[in-house]
Amino acid sequence: MNCADLLLKFIQVLATTSIGVATGIIAYHQFRLARHKLKADLFDKRLQVFFATREYLNSILGSGKIDGSALFQFYLAVSHAEFLFGPEIKDYLQDLDKRGHALKTAFDSGKGSDLPAGDPRKLEAIGLENQIFESMVGEIGTLRKKFTPYLDIYNFD
């Protein structure tokens, strides 16, 4: 083997190695890009649940009753929450839903009913409605605290 053949073999090995290294670097960057995309998509879906839940609470706290469109958006957004969050958020959203339905039932039996103003059933329902409403007043702050670990973009995993 002469010197030219050795040089040619060396260049071939060097080229093959360089191509392999470059392919590895590109694959690593594509992996990182795909991971960032996944994180961004997950963040967007989580943020939609947060906004829908906040709108649901604002609707209740603003009018004292449940708005149908806010309820629909809430159901639509939280329907996949168990796949986006841990069990504590799922439980929290179920609790908000239960209290919202209890509030609606109390409203329908109290202020929204045809019972006379002094009827004890109406007064009891209005009292229950006020109690449920008061329990939901602090939920805007609680909502932010519960969702923050899932929406912190600086420590997002």
C-alpha atoms as a PDB file:
ATOM      1  CA  MET A   1       0.000   0.000   0.000  1.00  0.00           C
ATOM      2  CA  ASN A   2       1.352   3.297  -0.956  1.00  0.00           C
ATOM      3  CA  CYS A   3       1.014   6.643   0.733  1.00  0.00           C
ATOM      4  CA  ALA A   4      -1.828   7.815  -1.531  1.00  0.00           C
ATOM      5  CA  ASP A   5      -3.932   4.749  -0.682  1.00  0.00           C
ATOM      6  CA  LEU A   6      -3.375   5.317   3.023  1.00  0.00           C
ATOM      7  CA  LEU A   7      -4.328   8.953   2.684  1.00  0.00           C
ATOM      8  CA  LEU A   8      -7.481   8.030   0.756  1.00  0.00           C
ATOM      9  CA  LYS A   9      -8.470   5.446   3.415  1.00  0.00           C
ATOM     10  CA  PHE A  10      -7.836   8.026   6.167  1.00  0.00           C
ATOM     11  CA  ILE A  11      -9.997  10.610   4.402  1.00  0.00           C
ATOM     12  CA  GLN A  12     -12.795   8.039   3.955  1.00  0.00           C
ATOM     13  CA  VAL A  13     -12.693   7.089   7.642  1.00  0.00           C
ATOM     14  CA  LEU A  14     -12.593  10.748   8.645  1.00  0.00           C
ATOM     15  CA  ALA A  15     -15.525  11.597   6.350  1.00  0.00           C
ATOM     16  CA  THR A  16     -17.592   8.658   7.620  1.00  0.00           C
ATOM     17  CA  THR A  17     -16.857   9.582  11.224  1.00  0.00           C
ATOM     18  CA  SER A  18     -17.674  13.250  10.583  1.00  0.00           C
ATOM     19  CA  ILE A  19     -20.979  12.328   8.948  1.00  0.00           C
ATOM     20  CA  GLY A  20     -21.810  10.058  11.907  1.00  0.00           C
ATOM     21  CA  VAL A  21     -21.002  12.782  14.426  1.00  0.00           C
ATOM     22  CA  ALA A  22     -22.982  15.378  12.470  1.00  0.00           C
ATOM     23  CA  THR A  23     -25.965  13.003  12.232  1.00  0.00           C
ATOM     24  CA  GLY A  24     -25.788  12.420  15.991  1.00  0.00           C
ATOM     25  CA  ILE A  25     -25.694  16.163  16.691  1.00  0.00           C
ATOM     26  CA  ILE A  26     -28.668  16.788  14.406  1.00  0.00           C
ATOM     27  CA  ALA A  27     -30.615  13.922  16.008  1.00  0.00           C
ATOM     28  CA  TYR A  28     -29.905  15.314  19.485  1.00  0.00           C
ATOM     29  CA  HIS A  29     -31.107  18.793  18.483  1.00  0.00           C
ATOM     30  CA  GLN A  30     -34.250  17.338  16.910  1.00  0.00           C
ATOM     31  CA  PHE A  31     -34.887  15.426  20.133  1.00  0.00           C
ATOM     32  CA  ARG A  32     -34.530  18.630  22.165  1.00  0.00           C
ATOM     33  CA  LEU A  33     -36.754  20.543  19.748  1.00  0.00           C
ATOM     34  CA  ALA A  34     -39.432  17.835  19.920  1.00  0.00           C
ATOM     35  CA  ARG A  35     -39.260  17.865  23.709  1.00  0.00           C
ATOM     36  CA  HIS A  36     -39.670  21.659  23.808  1.00  0.00           C
ATOM     37  CA  LYS A  37     -42.607  21.393  21.407  1.00  0.00           C
ATOM     38  CA  LEU A  38     -44.221  18.790  23.644  1.00  0.00           C
ATOM     39  CA  LYS A  39     -43.730  21.027  26.674  1.00  0.00           C
ATOM     40  CA  ALA A  40     -45.213  24.016  24.819  1.00  0.00           C
ATOM     41  CA  ASP A  41     -48.226  21.972  23.709  1.00  0.00           C
ATOM     42  CA  LEU A  42     -48.757  20.660  27.231  1.00  0.00           C
ATOM     43  CA  PHE A  43     -48.476  24.186  28.624  1.00  0.00           C
ATOM     44  CA  ASP A  44     -51.078  25.468  26.131  1.00  0.00           C
ATOM     45  CA  LYS A  45     -53.547  22.728  27.034  1.00  0.00           C
ATOM     46  CA  ARG A  46     -53.023  23.278  30.750  1.00  0.00           C
ATOM     47  CA  LEU A  47     -53.452  27.015  30.314  1.00  0.00           C
ATOM     48  CA  GLN A  48     -56.776  26.445  28.526  1.00  0.00           C
ATOM     49  CA  VAL A  49     -58.009  24.443  31.517  1.00  0.00           C
ATOM     50  CA  PHE A  50     -56.844  27.203  33.865  1.00  0.00           C
ATOM     51  CA  PHE A  51     -58.599  29.936  31.839  1.00  0.00           C
ATOM     52  CA  ALA A  52     -61.823  27.941  31.510  1.00  0.00           C
ATOM     53  CA  THR A  53     -61.854  27.232  35.242  1.00  0.00           C
ATOM     54  CA  ARG A  54     -61.163  30.872  36.038  1.00  0.00           C
ATOM     55  CA  GLU A  55     -63.954  31.962  33.690  1.00  0.00           C
ATOM     56  CA  TYR A  56     -66.295  29.447  35.328  1.00  0.00           C
ATOM     57  CA  LEU A  57     -65.490  30.870  38.776  1.00  0.00           C
ATOM     58  CA  ASN A  58     -65.747  34.475  37.544  1.00  0.00           C
ATOM     59  CA  SER A  59     -69.132  33.674  36.047  1.00  0.00           C
ATOM     60  CA  ILE A  60     -70.366  32.264  39.345  1.00  0.00           C
ATOM     61  CA  LEU A  61     -68.859  35.013  41.476  1.00  0.00           C
ATOM     62  CA  GLY A  62     -70.015  37.769  39.141  1.00  0.00           C
ATOM     63  CA  SER A  63     -73.658  36.786  38.960  1.00  0.00           C
ATOM     64  CA  GLY A  64     -74.086  34.373  41.852  1.00  0.00           C
ATOM     65  CA  LYS A  65     -75.241  31.672  39.470  1.00  0.00           C
ATOM     66  CA  ILE A  66     -73.813  29.455  36.755  1.00  0.00           C
ATOM     67  CA  ASP A  67     -73.654  30.805  33.216  1.00  0.00           C
ATOM     68  CA  GLY A  68     -74.400  28.095  30.645  1.00  0.00           C
ATOM     69  CA  SER A  69     -71.625  29.053  28.223  1.00  0.00           C
ATOM     70  CA  ALA A  70     -69.020  29.258  31.003  1.00  0.00           C
ATOM     71  CA  LEU A  71     -70.185  25.869  32.264  1.00  0.00           C
ATOM     72  CA  PHE A  72     -69.891  24.377  28.764  1.00  0.00           C
ATOM     73  CA  GLN A  73     -66.376  25.818  28.297  1.00  0.00           C
ATOM     74  CA  PHE A  74     -65.444  24.520  31.753  1.00  0.00           C
ATOM     75  CA  TYR A  75     -66.625  21.002  30.875  1.00  0.00           C
ATOM     76  CA  LEU A  76     -64.924  21.117  27.507  1.00  0.00           C
ATOM     77  CA  ALA A  77     -61.595  22.226  28.968  1.00  0.00           C
ATOM     78  CA  VAL A  78     -61.544  19.934  31.982  1.00  0.00           C
ATOM     79  CA  SER A  79     -62.688  16.816  30.148  1.00  0.00           C
ATOM     80  CA  HIS A  80     -59.047  15.831  29.597  1.00  0.00           C
ATOM     81  CA  ALA A  81     -57.613  17.333  32.776  1.00  0.00           C
ATOM     82  CA  GLU A  82     -56.815  13.945  34.275  1.00  0.00           C
ATOM     83  CA  PHE A  83     -54.303  13.412  31.454  1.00  0.00           C
ATOM     84  CA  LEU A  84     -52.716  16.852  31.821  1.00  0.00           C
ATOM     85  CA  PHE A  85     -52.397  17.235  35.589  1.00  0.00           C
ATOM     86  CA  GLY A  86     -51.828  15.248  38.716  1.00  0.00           C
ATOM     87  CA  PRO A  87     -54.686  13.808  40.764  1.00  0.00           C
ATOM     88  CA  GLU A  88     -54.913  16.884  43.014  1.00  0.00           C
ATOM     89  CA  ILE A  89     -56.042  19.089  40.113  1.00  0.00           C
ATOM     90  CA  LYS A  90     -58.539  16.495  38.922  1.00  0.00           C
ATOM     91  CA  ASP A  91     -59.983  16.286  42.456  1.00  0.00           C
ATOM     92  CA  TYR A  92     -60.023  20.076  42.763  1.00  0.00           C
ATOM     93  CA  LEU A  93     -61.892  20.496  39.465  1.00  0.00           C
ATOM     94  CA  GLN A  94     -64.407  17.817  40.460  1.00  0.00           C
ATOM     95  CA  ASP A  95     -64.970  19.627  43.750  1.00  0.00           C
ATOM     96  CA  LEU A  96     -65.574  22.928  41.924  1.00  0.00           C
ATOM     97  CA  ASP A  97     -68.010  21.160  39.626  1.00  0.00           C
ATOM     98  CA  LYS A  98     -69.916  19.631  42.559  1.00  0.00           C
ATOM     99  CA  ARG A  99     -70.130  22.959  44.362  1.00  0.00           C
ATOM    100  CA  GLY A 100     -71.239  24.661  41.166  1.00  0.00           C
ATOM    101  CA  HIS A 101     -74.041  22.159  40.699  1.00  0.00           C
ATOM    102  CA  ALA A 102     -75.017  22.481  44.355  1.00  0.00           C
ATOM    103  CA  LEU A 103     -75.115  26.258  43.886  1.00  0.00           C
ATOM    104  CA  LYS A 104     -77.355  25.894  40.834  1.00  0.00           C
ATOM    105  CA  THR A 105     -79.673  23.511  42.677  1.00  0.00           C
ATOM    106  CA  ALA A 106     -79.849  25.853  45.666  1.00  0.00           C
ATOM    107  CA  PHE A 107     -80.545  28.825  43.371  1.00  0.00           C
ATOM    108  CA  ASP A 108     -83.300  26.943  41.539  1.00  0.00           C
ATOM    109  CA  SER A 109     -84.867  25.960  44.876  1.00  0.00           C
ATOM    110  CA  GLY A 110     -84.461  29.411  46.396  1.00  0.00           C
ATOM    111  CA  LYS A 111     -84.333  32.654  44.440  1.00  0.00           C
ATOM    112  CA  GLY A 112     -85.207  30.905  41.193  1.00  0.00           C
ATOM    113  CA  SER A 113     -88.253  29.090  42.535  1.00  0.00           C
ATOM    114  CA  ASP A 114     -91.921  30.026  42.518  1.00  0.00           C
ATOM    115  CA  LEU A 115     -92.239  29.505  46.261  1.00  0.00           C
ATOM    116  CA  PRO A 116     -93.558  32.452  48.277  1.00  0.00           C
ATOM    117  CA  ALA A 117     -90.955  34.782  49.776  1.00  0.00           C
ATOM    118  CA  GLY A 118     -91.399  33.627  53.386  1.00  0.00           C
ATOM    119  CA  ASP A 119     -91.517  29.900  52.670  1.00  0.00           C
ATOM    120  CA  PRO A 120     -89.022  28.046  54.914  1.00  0.00           C
ATOM    121  CA  ARG A 121     -87.870  25.837  52.005  1.00  0.00           C
ATOM    122  CA  LYS A 122     -87.035  28.921  49.959  1.00  0.00           C
ATOM    123  CA  LEU A 123     -85.211  30.541  52.895  1.00  0.00           C
ATOM    124  CA  GLU A 124     -83.251  27.338  53.540  1.00  0.00           C
ATOM    125  CA  ALA A 125     -82.262  27.107  49.871  1.00  0.00           C
ATOM    126  CA  ILE A 126     -81.185  30.765  49.827  1.00  0.00           C
ATOM    127  CA  GLY A 127     -79.094  30.160  52.959  1.00  0.00           C
ATOM    128  CA  LEU A 128     -77.465  27.137  51.347  1.00  0.00           C
ATOM    129  CA  GLU A 129     -76.847  29.130  48.175  1.00  0.00           C
ATOM    130  CA  ASN A 130     -75.141  31.878  50.172  1.00  0.00           C
ATOM    131  CA  GLN A 131     -73.036  29.314  52.032  1.00  0.00           C
ATOM    132  CA  ILE A 132     -71.864  27.658  48.806  1.00  0.00           C
ATOM    133  CA  PHE A 133     -71.245  31.039  47.195  1.00  0.00           C
ATOM    134  CA  GLU A 134     -69.111  32.149  50.165  1.00  0.00           C
ATOM    135  CA  SER A 135     -67.094  28.920  49.924  1.00  0.00           C
ATOM    136  CA  MET A 136     -66.299  29.738  46.291  1.00  0.00           C
ATOM    137  CA  VAL A 137     -65.254  33.363  46.854  1.00  0.00           C
ATOM    138  CA  GLY A 138     -61.643  32.494  47.718  1.00  0.00           C
ATOM    139  CA  GLU A 139     -61.268  30.014  44.902  1.00  0.00           C
ATOM    140  CA  ILE A 140     -59.689  32.470  42.426  1.00  0.00           C
ATOM    141  CA  GLY A 141     -56.607  32.689  44.679  1.00  0.00           C
ATOM    142  CA  THR A 142     -56.670  28.962  45.365  1.00  0.00           C
ATOM    143  CA  LEU A 143     -56.960  28.275  41.648  1.00  0.00           C
ATOM    144  CA  ARG A 144     -53.762  30.189  40.929  1.00  0.00           C
ATOM    145  CA  LYS A 145     -51.883  28.413  43.733  1.00  0.00           C
ATOM    146  CA  LYS A 146     -52.995  24.975  42.598  1.00  0.00           C
ATOM    147  CA  PHE A 147     -52.204  25.548  38.920  1.00  0.00           C
ATOM    148  CA  THR A 148     -48.901  27.435  39.336  1.00  0.00           C
ATOM    149  CA  PRO A 149     -46.701  24.312  39.617  1.00  0.00           C
ATOM    150  CA  TYR A 150     -48.127  23.119  36.301  1.00  0.00           C
ATOM    151  CA  LEU A 151     -47.849  26.483  34.554  1.00  0.00           C
ATOM    152  CA  ASP A 152     -44.419  27.627  35.740  1.00  0.00           C
ATOM    153  CA  ILE A 153     -42.578  27.913  32.425  1.00  0.00           C
ATOM    154  CA  TYR A 154     -39.195  28.275  34.112  1.00  0.00           C
ATOM    155  CA  ASN A 155     -39.436  24.922  35.889  1.00  0.00           C
ATOM    156  CA  PHE A 156     -41.668  23.208  33.396  1.00  0.00           C
ATOM    157  CA  ASP A 157     -41.390  19.433  33.041  1.00  0.00           C
END
